[in-house]
Amino acid sequence: MLTGGVWAEIRVGNEHLRLFSEHNAQGVQASVYNMTTKSWLAPSELVEEIEQGKERAIERAREYLKHAAHSEMPPLTWKESRSR
């Protein structure tokens, strides 16, 4: 169950990623989902707080975009996640 967090979306060329930093039943986790391939870039990673999760998700996305799209990270707008 999601209890709070943030997410952001990136579209660069053919790449479409969603970055997450959320607090759920397992704790605070950072993750990046590839909307194009419908797969996670890596398993969710436990972090200490939402801000650390944002930084970790950005690092993962930046690495991926550098290699897959030969592109730099665009500016992000973080949005509040909805709890269920």
PDB file of N, CA and C in Angstrom:
ATOM      1  N   MET A   1       0.840  -1.181   0.000  1.00  0.00           N
ATOM      2  CA  MET A   1       0.000   0.000   0.000  1.00  0.00           C
ATOM      3  C   MET A   1       0.888   1.249   0.000  1.00  0.00           C
ATOM      4  N   LEU A   2       0.616   2.129  -0.913  1.00  0.00           N
ATOM      5  CA  LEU A   2       1.358   3.370  -1.036  1.00  0.00           C
ATOM      6  C   LEU A   2       0.880   4.365   0.015  1.00  0.00           C
ATOM      7  N   THR A   3       1.831   4.930   0.756  1.00  0.00           N
ATOM      8  CA  THR A   3       1.450   5.922   1.768  1.00  0.00           C
ATOM      9  C   THR A   3       1.952   7.314   1.439  1.00  0.00           C
ATOM     10  N   GLY A   4       2.697   7.467   0.343  1.00  0.00           N
ATOM     11  CA  GLY A   4       3.170   8.780  -0.068  1.00  0.00           C
ATOM     12  C   GLY A   4       4.379   8.667  -0.960  1.00  0.00           C
ATOM     13  N   GLY A   5       4.729   9.771  -1.587  1.00  0.00           N
ATOM     14  CA  GLY A   5       5.903   9.780  -2.439  1.00  0.00           C
ATOM     15  C   GLY A   5       5.728  10.694  -3.627  1.00  0.00           C
ATOM     16  N   VAL A   6       6.661  10.565  -4.567  1.00  0.00           N
ATOM     17  CA  VAL A   6       6.658  11.400  -5.759  1.00  0.00           C
ATOM     18  C   VAL A   6       7.034  10.561  -6.979  1.00  0.00           C
ATOM     19  N   TRP A   7       6.707  11.085  -8.156  1.00  0.00           N
ATOM     20  CA  TRP A   7       7.098  10.454  -9.407  1.00  0.00           C
ATOM     21  C   TRP A   7       7.360  11.534 -10.450  1.00  0.00           C
ATOM     22  N   ALA A   8       8.142  11.171 -11.479  1.00  0.00           N
ATOM     23  CA  ALA A   8       8.454  12.084 -12.571  1.00  0.00           C
ATOM     24  C   ALA A   8       8.511  11.284 -13.865  1.00  0.00           C
ATOM     25  N   GLU A   9       8.331  11.985 -14.969  1.00  0.00           N
ATOM     26  CA  GLU A   9       8.308  11.334 -16.277  1.00  0.00           C
ATOM     27  C   GLU A   9       9.351  11.964 -17.198  1.00  0.00           C
ATOM     28  N   ILE A  10      10.000  11.117 -17.994  1.00  0.00           N
ATOM     29  CA  ILE A  10      11.013  11.575 -18.943  1.00  0.00           C
ATOM     30  C   ILE A  10      10.673  11.014 -20.319  1.00  0.00           C
ATOM     31  N   ARG A  11      10.706  11.881 -21.315  1.00  0.00           N
ATOM     32  CA  ARG A  11      10.567  11.455 -22.710  1.00  0.00           C
ATOM     33  C   ARG A  11      11.734  12.065 -23.482  1.00  0.00           C
ATOM     34  N   VAL A  12      12.586  11.183 -23.994  1.00  0.00           N
ATOM     35  CA  VAL A  12      13.743  11.600 -24.783  1.00  0.00           C
ATOM     36  C   VAL A  12      13.803  10.684 -25.999  1.00  0.00           C
ATOM     37  N   GLY A  13      13.627  11.242 -27.182  1.00  0.00           N
ATOM     38  CA  GLY A  13      13.621  10.413 -28.378  1.00  0.00           C
ATOM     39  C   GLY A  13      12.559   9.338 -28.266  1.00  0.00           C
ATOM     40  N   ASN A  14      12.963   8.081 -28.420  1.00  0.00           N
ATOM     41  CA  ASN A  14      12.029   6.950 -28.293  1.00  0.00           C
ATOM     42  C   ASN A  14      11.939   6.430 -26.867  1.00  0.00           C
ATOM     43  N   GLU A  15      12.663   7.034 -25.952  1.00  0.00           N
ATOM     44  CA  GLU A  15      12.676   6.576 -24.554  1.00  0.00           C
ATOM     45  C   GLU A  15      11.592   7.277 -23.741  1.00  0.00           C
ATOM     46  N   HIS A  16      10.929   6.505 -22.907  1.00  0.00           N
ATOM     47  CA  HIS A  16       9.869   7.021 -22.031  1.00  0.00           C
ATOM     48  C   HIS A  16      10.022   6.328 -20.679  1.00  0.00           C
ATOM     49  N   LEU A  17      10.486   7.075 -19.683  1.00  0.00           N
ATOM     50  CA  LEU A  17      10.743   6.523 -18.352  1.00  0.00           C
ATOM     51  C   LEU A  17       9.870   7.192 -17.305  1.00  0.00           C
ATOM     52  N   ARG A  18       9.542   6.444 -16.259  1.00  0.00           N
ATOM     53  CA  ARG A  18       8.894   7.009 -15.070  1.00  0.00           C
ATOM     54  C   ARG A  18       9.771   6.690 -13.869  1.00  0.00           C
ATOM     55  N   LEU A  19      10.054   7.745 -13.106  1.00  0.00           N
ATOM     56  CA  LEU A  19      10.897   7.628 -11.915  1.00  0.00           C
ATOM     57  C   LEU A  19      10.001   7.709 -10.695  1.00  0.00           C
ATOM     58  N   PHE A  20      10.286   6.885  -9.700  1.00  0.00           N
ATOM     59  CA  PHE A  20       9.476   6.847  -8.489  1.00  0.00           C
ATOM     60  C   PHE A  20      10.354   6.916  -7.240  1.00  0.00           C
ATOM     61  N   SER A  21       9.872   7.618  -6.230  1.00  0.00           N
ATOM     62  CA  SER A  21      10.437   7.594  -4.896  1.00  0.00           C
ATOM     63  C   SER A  21       9.228   7.588  -3.969  1.00  0.00           C
ATOM     64  N   GLU A  22       8.933   6.415  -3.425  1.00  0.00           N
ATOM     65  CA  GLU A  22       7.665   6.250  -2.716  1.00  0.00           C
ATOM     66  C   GLU A  22       7.822   5.492  -1.404  1.00  0.00           C
ATOM     67  N   HIS A  23       6.931   5.812  -0.493  1.00  0.00           N
ATOM     68  CA  HIS A  23       6.863   5.117   0.789  1.00  0.00           C
ATOM     69  C   HIS A  23       5.698   4.144   0.712  1.00  0.00           C
ATOM     70  N   ASN A  24       6.018   2.850   0.899  1.00  0.00           N
ATOM     71  CA  ASN A  24       4.980   1.819   0.861  1.00  0.00           C
ATOM     72  C   ASN A  24       5.173   0.862   2.033  1.00  0.00           C
ATOM     73  N   ALA A  25       4.513  -0.264   2.005  1.00  0.00           N
ATOM     74  CA  ALA A  25       4.573  -1.216   3.117  1.00  0.00           C
ATOM     75  C   ALA A  25       5.993  -1.743   3.366  1.00  0.00           C
ATOM     76  N   GLN A  26       6.842  -1.750   2.345  1.00  0.00           N
ATOM     77  CA  GLN A  26       8.214  -2.242   2.504  1.00  0.00           C
ATOM     78  C   GLN A  26       9.179  -1.165   2.992  1.00  0.00           C
ATOM     79  N   GLY A  27       8.763   0.091   2.986  1.00  0.00           N
ATOM     80  CA  GLY A  27       9.622   1.209   3.361  1.00  0.00           C
ATOM     81  C   GLY A  27       9.674   2.226   2.236  1.00  0.00           C
ATOM     82  N   VAL A  28      10.713   3.032   2.214  1.00  0.00           N
ATOM     83  CA  VAL A  28      10.879   4.015   1.141  1.00  0.00           C
ATOM     84  C   VAL A  28      11.720   3.370   0.045  1.00  0.00           C
ATOM     85  N   GLN A  29      11.221   3.423  -1.190  1.00  0.00           N
ATOM     86  CA  GLN A  29      11.894   2.778  -2.302  1.00  0.00           C
ATOM     87  C   GLN A  29      12.029   3.705  -3.498  1.00  0.00           C
ATOM     88  N   ALA A  30      13.129   3.531  -4.233  1.00  0.00           N
ATOM     89  CA  ALA A  30      13.381   4.252  -5.472  1.00  0.00           C
ATOM     90  C   ALA A  30      13.317   3.242  -6.616  1.00  0.00           C
ATOM     91  N   SER A  31      12.715   3.649  -7.735  1.00  0.00           N
ATOM     92  CA  SER A  31      12.645   2.761  -8.888  1.00  0.00           C
ATOM     93  C   SER A  31      12.450   3.566 -10.168  1.00  0.00           C
ATOM     94  N   VAL A  32      12.775   2.919 -11.291  1.00  0.00           N
ATOM     95  CA  VAL A  32      12.605   3.533 -12.607  1.00  0.00           C
ATOM     96  C   VAL A  32      11.948   2.495 -13.516  1.00  0.00           C
ATOM     97  N   TYR A  33      10.848   2.899 -14.153  1.00  0.00           N
ATOM     98  CA  TYR A  33      10.093   2.019 -15.040  1.00  0.00           C
ATOM     99  C   TYR A  33      10.220   2.504 -16.472  1.00  0.00           C
ATOM    100  N   ASN A  34      10.540   1.590 -17.378  1.00  0.00           N
ATOM    101  CA  ASN A  34      10.652   1.903 -18.794  1.00  0.00           C
ATOM    102  C   ASN A  34       9.283   1.672 -19.427  1.00  0.00           C
ATOM    103  N   MET A  35       8.602   2.753 -19.778  1.00  0.00           N
ATOM    104  CA  MET A  35       7.261   2.669 -20.349  1.00  0.00           C
ATOM    105  C   MET A  35       7.292   2.078 -21.761  1.00  0.00           C
ATOM    106  N   THR A  36       8.403   2.205 -22.451  1.00  0.00           N
ATOM    107  CA  THR A  36       8.524   1.688 -23.811  1.00  0.00           C
ATOM    108  C   THR A  36       8.577   0.164 -23.813  1.00  0.00           C
ATOM    109  N   THR A  37       9.411  -0.398 -22.940  1.00  0.00           N
ATOM    110  CA  THR A  37       9.585  -1.852 -22.893  1.00  0.00           C
ATOM    111  C   THR A  37       8.680  -2.519 -21.856  1.00  0.00           C
ATOM    112  N   LYS A  38       7.966  -1.705 -21.083  1.00  0.00           N
ATOM    113  CA  LYS A  38       7.086  -2.211 -20.016  1.00  0.00           C
ATOM    114  C   LYS A  38       7.861  -3.076 -19.021  1.00  0.00           C
ATOM    115  N   SER A  39       9.020  -2.536 -18.578  1.00  0.00           N
ATOM    116  CA  SER A  39       9.845  -3.280 -17.626  1.00  0.00           C
ATOM    117  C   SER A  39      10.563  -2.318 -16.690  1.00  0.00           C
ATOM    118  N   TRP A  40      10.945  -2.819 -15.530  1.00  0.00           N
ATOM    119  CA  TRP A  40      11.712  -2.042 -14.563  1.00  0.00           C
ATOM    120  C   TRP A  40      13.169  -2.044 -14.984  1.00  0.00           C
ATOM    121  N   LEU A  41      13.857  -0.910 -14.836  1.00  0.00           N
ATOM    122  CA  LEU A  41      15.280  -0.858 -15.167  1.00  0.00           C
ATOM    123  C   LEU A  41      16.084  -1.719 -14.201  1.00  0.00           C
ATOM    124  N   ALA A  42      15.650  -1.783 -12.966  1.00  0.00           N
ATOM    125  CA  ALA A  42      16.294  -2.596 -11.934  1.00  0.00           C
ATOM    126  C   ALA A  42      15.267  -2.789 -10.821  1.00  0.00           C
ATOM    127  N   PRO A  43      15.491  -3.744  -9.941  1.00  0.00           N
ATOM    128  CA  PRO A  43      14.558  -3.899  -8.811  1.00  0.00           C
ATOM    129  C   PRO A  43      14.505  -2.629  -7.967  1.00  0.00           C
ATOM    130  N   SER A  44      13.389  -2.424  -7.299  1.00  0.00           N
ATOM    131  CA  SER A  44      13.255  -1.279  -6.395  1.00  0.00           C
ATOM    132  C   SER A  44      14.367  -1.336  -5.357  1.00  0.00           C
ATOM    133  N   GLU A  45      14.843  -0.165  -4.993  1.00  0.00           N
ATOM    134  CA  GLU A  45      15.948  -0.061  -4.046  1.00  0.00           C
ATOM    135  C   GLU A  45      15.475   0.645  -2.779  1.00  0.00           C
ATOM    136  N   LEU A  46      15.722   0.033  -1.633  1.00  0.00           N
ATOM    137  CA  LEU A  46      15.370   0.670  -0.374  1.00  0.00           C
ATOM    138  C   LEU A  46      16.286   1.856  -0.113  1.00  0.00           C
ATOM    139  N   VAL A  47      15.703   2.965   0.309  1.00  0.00           N
ATOM    140  CA  VAL A  47      16.455   4.179   0.642  1.00  0.00           C
ATOM    141  C   VAL A  47      15.932   4.707   1.975  1.00  0.00           C
ATOM    142  N   GLU A  48      16.620   5.691   2.527  1.00  0.00           N
ATOM    143  CA  GLU A  48      16.254   6.230   3.835  1.00  0.00           C
ATOM    144  C   GLU A  48      15.062   7.185   3.796  1.00  0.00           C
ATOM    145  N   GLU A  49      14.993   8.004   2.741  1.00  0.00           N
ATOM    146  CA  GLU A  49      13.930   9.013   2.672  1.00  0.00           C
ATOM    147  C   GLU A  49      13.581   9.328   1.220  1.00  0.00           C
ATOM    148  N   ILE A  50      12.482  10.017   1.017  1.00  0.00           N
ATOM    149  CA  ILE A  50      11.991  10.352  -0.319  1.00  0.00           C
ATOM    150  C   ILE A  50      13.047  11.105  -1.128  1.00  0.00           C
ATOM    151  N   GLU A  51      13.712  12.092  -0.541  1.00  0.00           N
ATOM    152  CA  GLU A  51      14.718  12.869  -1.271  1.00  0.00           C
ATOM    153  C   GLU A  51      15.868  11.987  -1.756  1.00  0.00           C
ATOM    154  N   GLN A  52      16.304  11.069  -0.934  1.00  0.00           N
ATOM    155  CA  GLN A  52      17.362  10.144  -1.333  1.00  0.00           C
ATOM    156  C   GLN A  52      16.859   9.247  -2.467  1.00  0.00           C
ATOM    157  N   GLY A  53      15.605   8.852  -2.406  1.00  0.00           N
ATOM    158  CA  GLY A  53      15.014   8.038  -3.469  1.00  0.00           C
ATOM    159  C   GLY A  53      14.963   8.785  -4.792  1.00  0.00           C
ATOM    160  N   LYS A  54      14.642  10.073  -4.742  1.00  0.00           N
ATOM    161  CA  LYS A  54      14.629  10.886  -5.956  1.00  0.00           C
ATOM    162  C   LYS A  54      16.024  10.922  -6.574  1.00  0.00           C
ATOM    163  N   GLU A  55      17.025  11.135  -5.749  1.00  0.00           N
ATOM    164  CA  GLU A  55      18.406  11.193  -6.240  1.00  0.00           C
ATOM    165  C   GLU A  55      18.822   9.869  -6.865  1.00  0.00           C
ATOM    166  N   ARG A  56      18.461   8.773  -6.207  1.00  0.00           N
ATOM    167  CA  ARG A  56      18.836   7.442  -6.716  1.00  0.00           C
ATOM    168  C   ARG A  56      18.122   7.146  -8.034  1.00  0.00           C
ATOM    169  N   ALA A  57      16.846   7.486  -8.136  1.00  0.00           N
ATOM    170  CA  ALA A  57      16.096   7.261  -9.376  1.00  0.00           C
ATOM    171  C   ALA A  57      16.693   8.099 -10.514  1.00  0.00           C
ATOM    172  N   ILE A  58      17.079   9.328 -10.214  1.00  0.00           N
ATOM    173  CA  ILE A  58      17.709  10.189 -11.221  1.00  0.00           C
ATOM    174  C   ILE A  58      19.023   9.575 -11.692  1.00  0.00           C
ATOM    175  N   GLU A  59      19.821   9.061 -10.772  1.00  0.00           N
ATOM    176  CA  GLU A  59      21.096   8.429 -11.139  1.00  0.00           C
ATOM    177  C   GLU A  59      20.868   7.265 -12.100  1.00  0.00           C
ATOM    178  N   ARG A  60      19.902   6.406 -11.769  1.00  0.00           N
ATOM    179  CA  ARG A  60      19.600   5.255 -12.625  1.00  0.00           C
ATOM    180  C   ARG A  60      19.135   5.702 -14.009  1.00  0.00           C
ATOM    181  N   ALA A  61      18.226   6.659 -14.047  1.00  0.00           N
ATOM    182  CA  ALA A  61      17.692   7.145 -15.324  1.00  0.00           C
ATOM    183  C   ALA A  61      18.791   7.811 -16.142  1.00  0.00           C
ATOM    184  N   ARG A  62      19.628   8.605 -15.499  1.00  0.00           N
ATOM    185  CA  ARG A  62      20.724   9.294 -16.192  1.00  0.00           C
ATOM    186  C   ARG A  62      21.667   8.276 -16.845  1.00  0.00           C
ATOM    187  N   GLU A  63      22.022   7.242 -16.093  1.00  0.00           N
ATOM    188  CA  GLU A  63      22.887   6.186 -16.614  1.00  0.00           C
ATOM    189  C   GLU A  63      22.254   5.506 -17.816  1.00  0.00           C
ATOM    190  N   TYR A  64      20.980   5.170 -17.674  1.00  0.00           N
ATOM    191  CA  TYR A  64      20.265   4.489 -18.754  1.00  0.00           C
ATOM    192  C   TYR A  64      20.212   5.359 -20.008  1.00  0.00           C
ATOM    193  N   LEU A  65      19.823   6.622 -19.868  1.00  0.00           N
ATOM    194  CA  LEU A  65      19.710   7.514 -21.017  1.00  0.00           C
ATOM    195  C   LEU A  65      21.056   7.739 -21.701  1.00  0.00           C
ATOM    196  N   LYS A  66      22.100   7.796 -20.923  1.00  0.00           N
ATOM    197  CA  LYS A  66      23.441   7.997 -21.470  1.00  0.00           C
ATOM    198  C   LYS A  66      23.811   6.853 -22.416  1.00  0.00           C
ATOM    199  N   HIS A  67      23.494   5.615 -22.005  1.00  0.00           N
ATOM    200  CA  HIS A  67      23.867   4.448 -22.796  1.00  0.00           C
ATOM    201  C   HIS A  67      22.831   4.091 -23.863  1.00  0.00           C
ATOM    202  N   ALA A  68      21.566   4.141 -23.527  1.00  0.00           N
ATOM    203  CA  ALA A  68      20.517   3.700 -24.456  1.00  0.00           C
ATOM    204  C   ALA A  68      20.147   4.748 -25.495  1.00  0.00           C
ATOM    205  N   ALA A  69      20.116   6.010 -25.094  1.00  0.00           N
ATOM    206  CA  ALA A  69      19.663   7.067 -26.003  1.00  0.00           C
ATOM    207  C   ALA A  69      20.770   8.049 -26.351  1.00  0.00           C
ATOM    208  N   HIS A  70      21.958   7.855 -25.775  1.00  0.00           N
ATOM    209  CA  HIS A  70      23.077   8.790 -25.981  1.00  0.00           C
ATOM    210  C   HIS A  70      22.605  10.222 -25.741  1.00  0.00           C
ATOM    211  N   SER A  71      21.880  10.371 -24.633  1.00  0.00           N
ATOM    212  CA  SER A  71      21.260  11.657 -24.319  1.00  0.00           C
ATOM    213  C   SER A  71      21.513  12.039 -22.871  1.00  0.00           C
ATOM    214  N   GLU A  72      21.418  13.322 -22.614  1.00  0.00           N
ATOM    215  CA  GLU A  72      21.528  13.844 -21.258  1.00  0.00           C
ATOM    216  C   GLU A  72      20.158  13.831 -20.590  1.00  0.00           C
ATOM    217  N   MET A  73      20.162  13.951 -19.304  1.00  0.00           N
ATOM    218  CA  MET A  73      18.935  13.984 -18.512  1.00  0.00           C
ATOM    219  C   MET A  73      18.238  15.333 -18.692  1.00  0.00           C
ATOM    220  N   PRO A  74      16.972  15.336 -19.072  1.00  0.00           N
ATOM    221  CA  PRO A  74      16.242  16.604 -19.176  1.00  0.00           C
ATOM    222  C   PRO A  74      15.816  17.079 -17.783  1.00  0.00           C
ATOM    223  N   PRO A  75      15.365  18.316 -17.655  1.00  0.00           N
ATOM    224  CA  PRO A  75      14.850  18.787 -16.367  1.00  0.00           C
ATOM    225  C   PRO A  75      13.619  17.965 -15.964  1.00  0.00           C
ATOM    226  N   LEU A  76      13.458  17.759 -14.670  1.00  0.00           N
ATOM    227  CA  LEU A  76      12.336  16.960 -14.167  1.00  0.00           C
ATOM    228  C   LEU A  76      11.345  17.807 -13.393  1.00  0.00           C
ATOM    229  N   THR A  77      10.094  17.391 -13.457  1.00  0.00           N
ATOM    230  CA  THR A  77       9.054  17.954 -12.610  1.00  0.00           C
ATOM    231  C   THR A  77       8.480  16.805 -11.796  1.00  0.00           C
ATOM    232  N   TRP A  78       8.703  16.832 -10.507  1.00  0.00           N
ATOM    233  CA  TRP A  78       8.193  15.779  -9.627  1.00  0.00           C
ATOM    234  C   TRP A  78       6.747  16.080  -9.260  1.00  0.00           C
ATOM    235  N   LYS A  79       5.936  15.011  -9.213  1.00  0.00           N
ATOM    236  CA  LYS A  79       4.514  15.123  -8.865  1.00  0.00           C
ATOM    237  C   LYS A  79       4.242  14.218  -7.673  1.00  0.00           C
ATOM    238  N   GLU A  80       3.272  14.609  -6.867  1.00  0.00           N
ATOM    239  CA  GLU A  80       2.895  13.796  -5.716  1.00  0.00           C
ATOM    240  C   GLU A  80       2.227  12.507  -6.174  1.00  0.00           C
ATOM    241  N   SER A  81       2.609  11.398  -5.554  1.00  0.00           N
ATOM    242  CA  SER A  81       1.962  10.111  -5.825  1.00  0.00           C
ATOM    243  C   SER A  81       0.634  10.072  -5.076  1.00  0.00           C
ATOM    244  N   ARG A  82      -0.279   9.342  -5.624  1.00  0.00           N
ATOM    245  CA  ARG A  82      -1.590   9.183  -4.964  1.00  0.00           C
ATOM    246  C   ARG A  82      -1.560   7.933  -4.094  1.00  0.00           C
ATOM    247  N   SER A  83      -2.050   8.048  -2.890  1.00  0.00           N
ATOM    248  CA  SER A  83      -2.106   6.870  -2.018  1.00  0.00           C
ATOM    249  C   SER A  83      -3.413   6.140  -2.257  1.00  0.00           C
ATOM    250  N   ARG A  84      -3.398   4.864  -1.948  1.00  0.00           N
ATOM    251  CA  ARG A  84      -4.583   4.026  -2.185  1.00  0.00           C
ATOM    252  C   ARG A  84      -5.095   3.461  -0.905  1.00  0.00           C
TER     253      ARG A  84
END
